[in-house]
N, C-alpha and C. Protein backbone atom coordinates (compact mmCIF):
# COMPACT_ATOMS: atom_id res chain seq x y z
N UNK A 1 26.47 118.05 -49.97
CA UNK A 1 25.66 116.87 -49.76
C UNK A 1 26.48 115.59 -50.00
N UNK A 2 27.29 115.59 -51.07
CA UNK A 2 28.11 114.41 -51.35
C UNK A 2 29.14 114.18 -50.24
N UNK A 3 29.64 115.29 -49.66
CA UNK A 3 30.61 115.17 -48.58
C UNK A 3 29.96 114.53 -47.36
N UNK A 4 28.75 114.95 -47.04
CA UNK A 4 28.03 114.36 -45.91
C UNK A 4 27.75 112.88 -46.14
N UNK A 5 27.37 112.53 -47.35
CA UNK A 5 27.09 111.13 -47.69
C UNK A 5 28.37 110.30 -47.56
N UNK A 6 29.49 110.82 -48.10
CA UNK A 6 30.77 110.12 -48.02
C UNK A 6 31.22 109.98 -46.57
N UNK A 7 31.05 111.03 -45.77
CA UNK A 7 31.42 110.97 -44.36
C UNK A 7 30.57 109.94 -43.62
N UNK A 8 29.29 109.89 -43.94
CA UNK A 8 28.39 108.91 -43.32
C UNK A 8 28.79 107.49 -43.65
N UNK A 9 29.13 107.25 -44.90
CA UNK A 9 29.56 105.91 -45.33
C UNK A 9 30.88 105.55 -44.65
N UNK A 10 31.82 106.49 -44.60
CA UNK A 10 33.09 106.26 -43.94
C UNK A 10 32.89 105.93 -42.46
N UNK A 11 32.03 106.69 -41.79
CA UNK A 11 31.72 106.43 -40.38
C UNK A 11 31.14 105.03 -40.20
N UNK A 12 30.23 104.64 -41.08
CA UNK A 12 29.61 103.32 -41.00
C UNK A 12 30.65 102.21 -41.18
N UNK A 13 31.54 102.36 -42.14
CA UNK A 13 32.58 101.36 -42.38
C UNK A 13 33.50 101.25 -41.17
N UNK A 14 33.92 102.37 -40.60
CA UNK A 14 34.80 102.36 -39.43
C UNK A 14 34.08 101.72 -38.24
N UNK A 15 32.81 102.05 -38.03
CA UNK A 15 32.05 101.50 -36.93
C UNK A 15 31.90 99.98 -37.05
N UNK A 16 31.59 99.49 -38.25
CA UNK A 16 31.44 98.04 -38.47
C UNK A 16 32.76 97.34 -38.25
N UNK A 17 33.85 97.89 -38.76
CA UNK A 17 35.17 97.28 -38.57
C UNK A 17 35.54 97.24 -37.10
N UNK A 18 35.25 98.31 -36.36
CA UNK A 18 35.53 98.35 -34.93
C UNK A 18 34.69 97.32 -34.18
N UNK A 19 33.42 97.18 -34.55
CA UNK A 19 32.53 96.23 -33.88
C UNK A 19 33.00 94.80 -34.06
N UNK A 20 33.44 94.45 -35.26
CA UNK A 20 33.91 93.10 -35.52
C UNK A 20 35.14 92.81 -34.68
N UNK A 21 36.09 93.75 -34.62
CA UNK A 21 37.30 93.55 -33.84
C UNK A 21 37.04 93.56 -32.35
N UNK A 22 36.03 94.25 -31.91
CA UNK A 22 35.75 94.37 -30.48
C UNK A 22 35.20 93.08 -29.88
N UNK A 23 34.72 92.18 -30.71
CA UNK A 23 34.14 90.94 -30.20
C UNK A 23 35.17 90.00 -29.61
N UNK A 24 36.36 89.90 -30.22
CA UNK A 24 37.37 88.97 -29.74
C UNK A 24 38.51 89.73 -29.06
N UNK A 25 38.79 89.32 -27.82
CA UNK A 25 39.84 89.93 -27.02
C UNK A 25 40.90 88.87 -26.77
N UNK A 26 42.17 89.27 -26.89
CA UNK A 26 43.24 88.33 -26.59
C UNK A 26 43.38 88.14 -25.09
N UNK A 27 43.59 86.88 -24.69
CA UNK A 27 43.86 86.53 -23.30
C UNK A 27 45.36 86.35 -23.14
N UNK A 28 45.79 85.95 -21.96
CA UNK A 28 47.22 85.79 -21.70
C UNK A 28 47.50 84.49 -20.95
N UNK A 29 48.77 84.15 -20.91
CA UNK A 29 49.26 83.06 -20.06
C UNK A 29 50.40 83.68 -19.23
N UNK A 30 50.59 83.18 -18.02
CA UNK A 30 51.61 83.75 -17.14
C UNK A 30 52.54 82.64 -16.67
N UNK A 31 53.84 82.92 -16.67
CA UNK A 31 54.81 81.96 -16.15
C UNK A 31 54.76 82.03 -14.63
N UNK A 32 54.33 80.92 -14.02
CA UNK A 32 54.19 80.87 -12.56
C UNK A 32 55.49 80.43 -11.88
N UNK A 33 56.20 79.47 -12.49
CA UNK A 33 57.48 79.04 -11.92
C UNK A 33 58.35 78.42 -13.00
N UNK A 34 59.65 78.44 -12.74
CA UNK A 34 60.64 77.90 -13.68
C UNK A 34 61.67 77.12 -12.87
N UNK A 35 62.00 75.94 -13.37
CA UNK A 35 63.11 75.17 -12.83
C UNK A 35 64.09 74.96 -13.97
N UNK A 36 65.36 75.27 -13.76
CA UNK A 36 66.34 75.15 -14.84
C UNK A 36 66.28 76.35 -15.76
N UNK A 37 66.60 76.13 -17.03
CA UNK A 37 66.64 77.23 -17.99
C UNK A 37 65.53 77.15 -19.02
N UNK A 38 64.91 78.29 -19.30
CA UNK A 38 63.87 78.35 -20.32
C UNK A 38 63.98 79.68 -21.05
N UNK A 39 63.53 79.68 -22.28
CA UNK A 39 63.56 80.88 -23.12
C UNK A 39 62.17 81.15 -23.67
N UNK A 40 61.98 82.41 -24.09
CA UNK A 40 60.72 82.84 -24.68
C UNK A 40 61.03 83.63 -25.94
N UNK A 41 60.26 83.39 -26.99
CA UNK A 41 60.33 84.24 -28.19
C UNK A 41 58.99 84.93 -28.31
N UNK A 42 59.01 86.24 -28.15
CA UNK A 42 57.78 87.03 -28.20
C UNK A 42 57.34 87.24 -29.64
N UNK A 43 56.05 87.40 -29.83
CA UNK A 43 55.48 87.60 -31.16
C UNK A 43 56.18 88.73 -31.89
N UNK A 44 56.55 88.47 -33.12
CA UNK A 44 57.19 89.49 -33.95
C UNK A 44 58.68 89.67 -33.70
N UNK A 45 59.24 88.95 -32.74
CA UNK A 45 60.66 89.06 -32.44
C UNK A 45 61.41 87.84 -32.99
N UNK A 46 62.66 88.02 -33.33
CA UNK A 46 63.47 86.90 -33.81
C UNK A 46 64.34 86.32 -32.72
N UNK A 47 64.68 87.14 -31.72
CA UNK A 47 65.59 86.70 -30.68
C UNK A 47 64.84 86.02 -29.54
N UNK A 48 65.48 85.01 -28.96
CA UNK A 48 64.97 84.36 -27.76
C UNK A 48 65.47 85.14 -26.56
N UNK A 49 64.62 85.29 -25.54
CA UNK A 49 65.03 85.96 -24.30
C UNK A 49 64.84 84.98 -23.14
N UNK A 50 65.51 85.23 -22.05
CA UNK A 50 65.40 84.37 -20.88
C UNK A 50 64.02 84.50 -20.26
N UNK A 51 63.38 83.37 -20.03
CA UNK A 51 62.06 83.36 -19.38
C UNK A 51 62.23 83.70 -17.91
N UNK A 52 61.25 84.43 -17.37
CA UNK A 52 61.28 84.82 -15.97
C UNK A 52 59.93 84.56 -15.33
N UNK A 53 59.94 84.22 -14.04
CA UNK A 53 58.68 84.05 -13.31
C UNK A 53 57.91 85.36 -13.34
N UNK A 54 56.60 85.25 -13.54
CA UNK A 54 55.75 86.43 -13.60
C UNK A 54 55.60 87.01 -15.00
N UNK A 55 56.40 86.52 -15.96
CA UNK A 55 56.32 87.01 -17.33
C UNK A 55 54.96 86.68 -17.92
N UNK A 56 54.37 87.63 -18.60
CA UNK A 56 53.07 87.43 -19.24
C UNK A 56 53.30 87.10 -20.71
N UNK A 57 52.67 86.02 -21.16
CA UNK A 57 52.79 85.58 -22.54
C UNK A 57 51.49 85.87 -23.27
N UNK A 58 51.63 86.26 -24.52
CA UNK A 58 50.47 86.58 -25.35
C UNK A 58 50.34 85.58 -26.48
N UNK A 59 49.24 85.66 -27.18
CA UNK A 59 49.01 84.83 -28.35
C UNK A 59 50.18 85.03 -29.32
N UNK A 60 50.75 83.93 -29.79
CA UNK A 60 51.87 83.99 -30.72
C UNK A 60 53.23 83.84 -30.07
N UNK A 61 53.31 83.93 -28.75
CA UNK A 61 54.59 83.77 -28.05
C UNK A 61 54.93 82.28 -27.93
N UNK A 62 56.23 81.98 -27.85
CA UNK A 62 56.72 80.60 -27.78
C UNK A 62 57.57 80.42 -26.52
N UNK A 63 57.36 79.29 -25.83
CA UNK A 63 58.17 78.92 -24.66
C UNK A 63 59.01 77.72 -25.05
N UNK A 64 60.30 77.77 -24.71
CA UNK A 64 61.21 76.66 -25.00
C UNK A 64 61.99 76.34 -23.74
N UNK A 65 61.96 75.06 -23.35
CA UNK A 65 62.69 74.63 -22.16
C UNK A 65 63.96 73.89 -22.57
N UNK A 66 64.98 73.99 -21.73
CA UNK A 66 66.23 73.30 -21.97
C UNK A 66 66.26 71.95 -21.28
N UNK A 67 67.41 71.29 -21.30
CA UNK A 67 67.55 70.00 -20.61
C UNK A 67 67.33 70.18 -19.10
N UNK A 68 66.67 69.22 -18.51
CA UNK A 68 66.40 69.22 -17.07
C UNK A 68 65.73 70.53 -16.61
N UNK A 69 64.85 71.06 -17.44
CA UNK A 69 64.12 72.29 -17.14
C UNK A 69 62.63 72.03 -17.14
N UNK A 70 61.90 72.97 -16.55
CA UNK A 70 60.47 72.81 -16.40
C UNK A 70 59.86 74.19 -16.20
N UNK A 71 58.71 74.44 -16.84
CA UNK A 71 58.01 75.72 -16.69
C UNK A 71 56.54 75.44 -16.38
N UNK A 72 55.98 76.18 -15.44
CA UNK A 72 54.56 76.09 -15.12
C UNK A 72 53.87 77.36 -15.59
N UNK A 73 52.86 77.20 -16.46
CA UNK A 73 52.10 78.32 -17.00
C UNK A 73 50.68 78.31 -16.43
N UNK A 74 50.13 79.49 -16.23
CA UNK A 74 48.72 79.64 -15.91
C UNK A 74 48.08 80.27 -17.13
N UNK A 75 47.21 79.52 -17.81
CA UNK A 75 46.48 80.05 -18.96
C UNK A 75 45.24 80.71 -18.39
N UNK A 76 45.16 82.01 -18.56
CA UNK A 76 44.13 82.79 -17.92
C UNK A 76 42.98 83.12 -18.87
N UNK A 77 41.80 83.04 -18.33
CA UNK A 77 40.61 83.44 -19.04
C UNK A 77 39.84 84.35 -18.12
N UNK A 78 38.56 84.09 -17.96
CA UNK A 78 37.79 84.88 -17.01
C UNK A 78 38.11 84.46 -15.58
N UNK A 79 38.71 83.31 -15.44
CA UNK A 79 39.24 82.81 -14.18
C UNK A 79 40.49 82.05 -14.58
N UNK A 80 40.96 81.13 -13.76
CA UNK A 80 42.08 80.30 -14.18
C UNK A 80 41.53 79.21 -15.07
N UNK A 81 41.88 79.24 -16.35
CA UNK A 81 41.38 78.24 -17.29
C UNK A 81 42.14 76.93 -17.15
N UNK A 82 43.48 77.02 -17.08
CA UNK A 82 44.28 75.79 -17.01
C UNK A 82 45.68 76.10 -16.52
N UNK A 83 46.34 75.05 -16.02
CA UNK A 83 47.78 75.13 -15.78
C UNK A 83 48.43 74.19 -16.78
N UNK A 84 49.59 74.60 -17.28
CA UNK A 84 50.32 73.81 -18.26
C UNK A 84 51.75 73.66 -17.75
N UNK A 85 52.15 72.42 -17.55
CA UNK A 85 53.52 72.11 -17.15
C UNK A 85 54.29 71.75 -18.42
N UNK A 86 55.27 72.57 -18.75
CA UNK A 86 56.08 72.35 -19.95
C UNK A 86 57.35 71.63 -19.50
N UNK A 87 57.52 70.39 -19.94
CA UNK A 87 58.64 69.55 -19.51
C UNK A 87 59.93 69.95 -20.25
N UNK A 88 61.04 69.30 -19.87
CA UNK A 88 62.34 69.62 -20.47
C UNK A 88 62.37 69.33 -21.97
N UNK A 89 63.21 70.10 -22.65
CA UNK A 89 63.41 69.98 -24.10
C UNK A 89 62.11 70.06 -24.89
N UNK A 90 61.27 71.01 -24.52
CA UNK A 90 59.98 71.19 -25.18
C UNK A 90 59.90 72.57 -25.82
N UNK A 91 59.03 72.69 -26.82
CA UNK A 91 58.75 73.98 -27.44
C UNK A 91 57.25 74.10 -27.65
N UNK A 92 56.65 75.13 -27.03
CA UNK A 92 55.21 75.31 -27.02
C UNK A 92 54.83 76.71 -27.49
N UNK A 93 53.97 76.77 -28.50
CA UNK A 93 53.46 78.03 -29.06
C UNK A 93 52.07 78.32 -28.50
N UNK A 94 51.88 79.54 -28.00
CA UNK A 94 50.54 79.99 -27.59
C UNK A 94 49.81 80.41 -28.87
N UNK A 95 49.29 79.43 -29.60
CA UNK A 95 48.74 79.69 -30.93
C UNK A 95 47.47 80.53 -30.89
N UNK A 96 46.61 80.28 -29.93
CA UNK A 96 45.37 81.06 -29.85
C UNK A 96 44.93 81.18 -28.39
N UNK A 97 44.75 82.41 -27.97
CA UNK A 97 44.25 82.71 -26.63
C UNK A 97 43.23 83.83 -26.80
N UNK A 98 41.98 83.48 -27.05
CA UNK A 98 40.96 84.49 -27.36
C UNK A 98 39.73 84.35 -26.47
N UNK A 99 39.07 85.47 -26.27
CA UNK A 99 37.76 85.51 -25.60
C UNK A 99 36.82 86.28 -26.51
N UNK A 100 35.66 85.69 -26.82
CA UNK A 100 34.63 86.37 -27.59
C UNK A 100 33.66 86.99 -26.60
N UNK A 101 33.72 88.30 -26.45
CA UNK A 101 32.90 88.99 -25.45
C UNK A 101 31.42 88.92 -25.76
N UNK A 102 31.10 88.90 -27.04
CA UNK A 102 29.69 88.86 -27.43
C UNK A 102 29.06 87.51 -27.12
N UNK A 103 29.77 86.42 -27.43
CA UNK A 103 29.25 85.07 -27.21
C UNK A 103 29.55 84.54 -25.81
N UNK A 104 30.52 85.16 -25.11
CA UNK A 104 30.91 84.67 -23.80
C UNK A 104 31.72 83.39 -23.86
N UNK A 105 32.44 83.18 -24.96
CA UNK A 105 33.23 81.96 -25.13
C UNK A 105 34.72 82.27 -25.11
N UNK A 106 35.51 81.24 -24.83
CA UNK A 106 36.95 81.34 -24.87
C UNK A 106 37.50 80.22 -25.74
N UNK A 107 38.56 80.53 -26.48
CA UNK A 107 39.21 79.48 -27.28
C UNK A 107 40.71 79.51 -27.00
N UNK A 108 41.22 78.32 -26.74
CA UNK A 108 42.64 78.15 -26.44
C UNK A 108 43.18 77.09 -27.37
N UNK A 109 44.28 77.41 -28.06
CA UNK A 109 44.97 76.44 -28.91
C UNK A 109 46.45 76.54 -28.60
N UNK A 110 47.00 75.45 -28.06
CA UNK A 110 48.43 75.36 -27.78
C UNK A 110 49.05 74.45 -28.83
N UNK A 111 50.18 74.85 -29.41
CA UNK A 111 50.83 74.09 -30.47
C UNK A 111 52.17 73.56 -29.93
N UNK A 112 52.21 72.25 -29.67
CA UNK A 112 53.41 71.61 -29.14
C UNK A 112 54.24 71.06 -30.30
N UNK A 113 55.39 71.69 -30.57
CA UNK A 113 56.25 71.27 -31.67
C UNK A 113 57.07 70.04 -31.29
N UNK A 114 57.58 70.04 -30.06
CA UNK A 114 58.40 68.93 -29.56
C UNK A 114 58.35 68.95 -28.04
N UNK A 115 58.49 67.77 -27.44
CA UNK A 115 58.55 67.69 -26.00
C UNK A 115 57.27 67.17 -25.38
N UNK A 116 57.05 67.55 -24.13
CA UNK A 116 55.90 67.03 -23.40
C UNK A 116 55.30 68.12 -22.51
N UNK A 117 53.97 68.12 -22.45
CA UNK A 117 53.25 69.03 -21.56
C UNK A 117 52.21 68.24 -20.77
N UNK A 118 51.95 68.70 -19.55
CA UNK A 118 50.90 68.14 -18.72
C UNK A 118 49.92 69.27 -18.45
N UNK A 119 48.67 69.08 -18.81
CA UNK A 119 47.67 70.14 -18.72
C UNK A 119 46.60 69.75 -17.71
N UNK A 120 46.26 70.69 -16.84
CA UNK A 120 45.13 70.52 -15.94
C UNK A 120 44.14 71.62 -16.28
N UNK A 121 43.04 71.24 -16.93
CA UNK A 121 42.02 72.22 -17.31
C UNK A 121 41.07 72.37 -16.13
N UNK A 122 40.98 73.58 -15.61
CA UNK A 122 40.15 73.85 -14.44
C UNK A 122 38.72 74.20 -14.82
N UNK A 123 38.58 75.07 -15.80
CA UNK A 123 37.26 75.59 -16.09
C UNK A 123 37.14 75.97 -17.56
N UNK A 124 36.19 75.36 -18.25
CA UNK A 124 35.86 75.78 -19.60
C UNK A 124 34.67 76.72 -19.47
N UNK A 125 34.79 77.91 -20.04
CA UNK A 125 33.81 78.97 -19.82
C UNK A 125 32.38 78.56 -20.19
N UNK A 126 32.17 78.03 -21.40
CA UNK A 126 30.85 77.62 -21.85
C UNK A 126 30.98 76.35 -22.68
N UNK A 127 29.85 75.76 -23.03
CA UNK A 127 29.88 74.55 -23.86
C UNK A 127 30.50 74.82 -25.22
N UNK A 128 30.43 76.06 -25.70
CA UNK A 128 30.99 76.42 -27.00
C UNK A 128 32.47 76.80 -26.92
N UNK A 129 33.00 76.95 -25.70
CA UNK A 129 34.42 77.27 -25.53
C UNK A 129 35.26 76.05 -25.89
N UNK A 130 36.50 76.31 -26.33
CA UNK A 130 37.38 75.21 -26.73
C UNK A 130 38.74 75.33 -26.06
N UNK A 131 39.33 74.17 -25.79
CA UNK A 131 40.70 74.08 -25.31
C UNK A 131 41.33 72.94 -26.09
N UNK A 132 42.28 73.26 -26.97
CA UNK A 132 42.87 72.26 -27.85
C UNK A 132 44.39 72.32 -27.80
N UNK A 133 45.00 71.16 -28.06
CA UNK A 133 46.45 71.06 -28.18
C UNK A 133 46.73 70.46 -29.55
N UNK A 134 47.56 71.16 -30.31
CA UNK A 134 47.94 70.71 -31.65
C UNK A 134 49.37 70.17 -31.59
N UNK A 135 49.60 69.08 -32.31
CA UNK A 135 50.94 68.53 -32.47
C UNK A 135 51.19 68.41 -33.97
N UNK A 136 52.39 68.04 -34.38
CA UNK A 136 52.64 67.89 -35.82
C UNK A 136 51.74 66.84 -36.49
N UNK A 137 51.15 65.94 -35.70
CA UNK A 137 50.34 64.87 -36.31
C UNK A 137 48.87 64.87 -35.93
N UNK A 138 48.47 65.67 -34.94
CA UNK A 138 47.07 65.62 -34.51
C UNK A 138 46.68 66.87 -33.74
N UNK A 139 45.37 67.02 -33.49
CA UNK A 139 44.83 68.06 -32.63
C UNK A 139 43.88 67.40 -31.65
N UNK A 140 44.04 67.72 -30.35
CA UNK A 140 43.24 67.10 -29.30
C UNK A 140 42.43 68.20 -28.61
N UNK A 141 41.15 67.95 -28.42
CA UNK A 141 40.30 68.87 -27.66
C UNK A 141 40.03 68.28 -26.29
N UNK A 142 39.83 69.14 -25.30
CA UNK A 142 39.64 68.64 -23.94
C UNK A 142 38.58 69.46 -23.22
N UNK A 143 37.94 68.83 -22.24
CA UNK A 143 36.93 69.47 -21.40
C UNK A 143 37.22 69.12 -19.94
N UNK A 144 37.70 70.05 -19.15
CA UNK A 144 37.87 69.88 -17.71
C UNK A 144 38.49 68.59 -17.25
N UNK A 145 39.77 68.41 -17.48
CA UNK A 145 40.44 67.19 -17.09
C UNK A 145 41.94 67.43 -16.98
N UNK A 146 42.67 66.38 -16.68
CA UNK A 146 44.13 66.42 -16.63
C UNK A 146 44.66 65.45 -17.67
N UNK A 147 45.57 65.91 -18.52
CA UNK A 147 46.11 65.01 -19.55
C UNK A 147 47.49 65.47 -19.98
N UNK A 148 48.24 64.54 -20.57
CA UNK A 148 49.58 64.82 -21.05
C UNK A 148 49.62 64.64 -22.57
N UNK A 149 50.47 65.42 -23.20
CA UNK A 149 50.70 65.30 -24.65
C UNK A 149 52.21 65.26 -24.85
N UNK A 150 52.66 64.30 -25.66
CA UNK A 150 54.10 64.15 -25.89
C UNK A 150 54.36 64.07 -27.38
N UNK A 151 55.39 64.82 -27.83
CA UNK A 151 55.83 64.78 -29.22
C UNK A 151 57.30 64.45 -29.23
N UNK A 152 57.66 63.38 -29.93
CA UNK A 152 59.05 62.98 -30.03
C UNK A 152 59.58 63.31 -31.42
N UNK A 153 60.88 63.54 -31.49
CA UNK A 153 61.52 63.86 -32.76
C UNK A 153 61.52 62.64 -33.66
N UNK A 154 61.33 62.87 -34.97
CA UNK A 154 61.41 61.79 -35.96
C UNK A 154 62.88 61.46 -36.18
N UNK A 155 63.17 60.17 -36.31
CA UNK A 155 64.57 59.77 -36.54
C UNK A 155 64.74 59.27 -37.93
């Protein structure tokens, strides 16, 4: 009897943990085009690798462009959420790319350490969905528009 009770409790704990994790799904961004040289550091890796067209980026991945370089990203959700143009000498972290399947919302947080990006937000899934850009000094939220964010080095 105690074994059945323990097994039931264990099953319940595993089911609840699985349900909580099943609500949020990671989304992706895809490199659509590259001009010049760019590198990517994948989540959990220390080495930078050469960025390539068609490469899929996940939450936690970083894109870095060199001098006179440019990368176009498609941030994907249930459709095309946004395009992000990463200008030369920039470093951009895909800090959060999530979809909450239960609520039907998407959250995007891009962290621009240095450089400049131009974002065209095509479609925000719901009123509760978010698209934000973080810089070392601020965080900006946006709803269906085109805007640029620039971070310059402190001297």
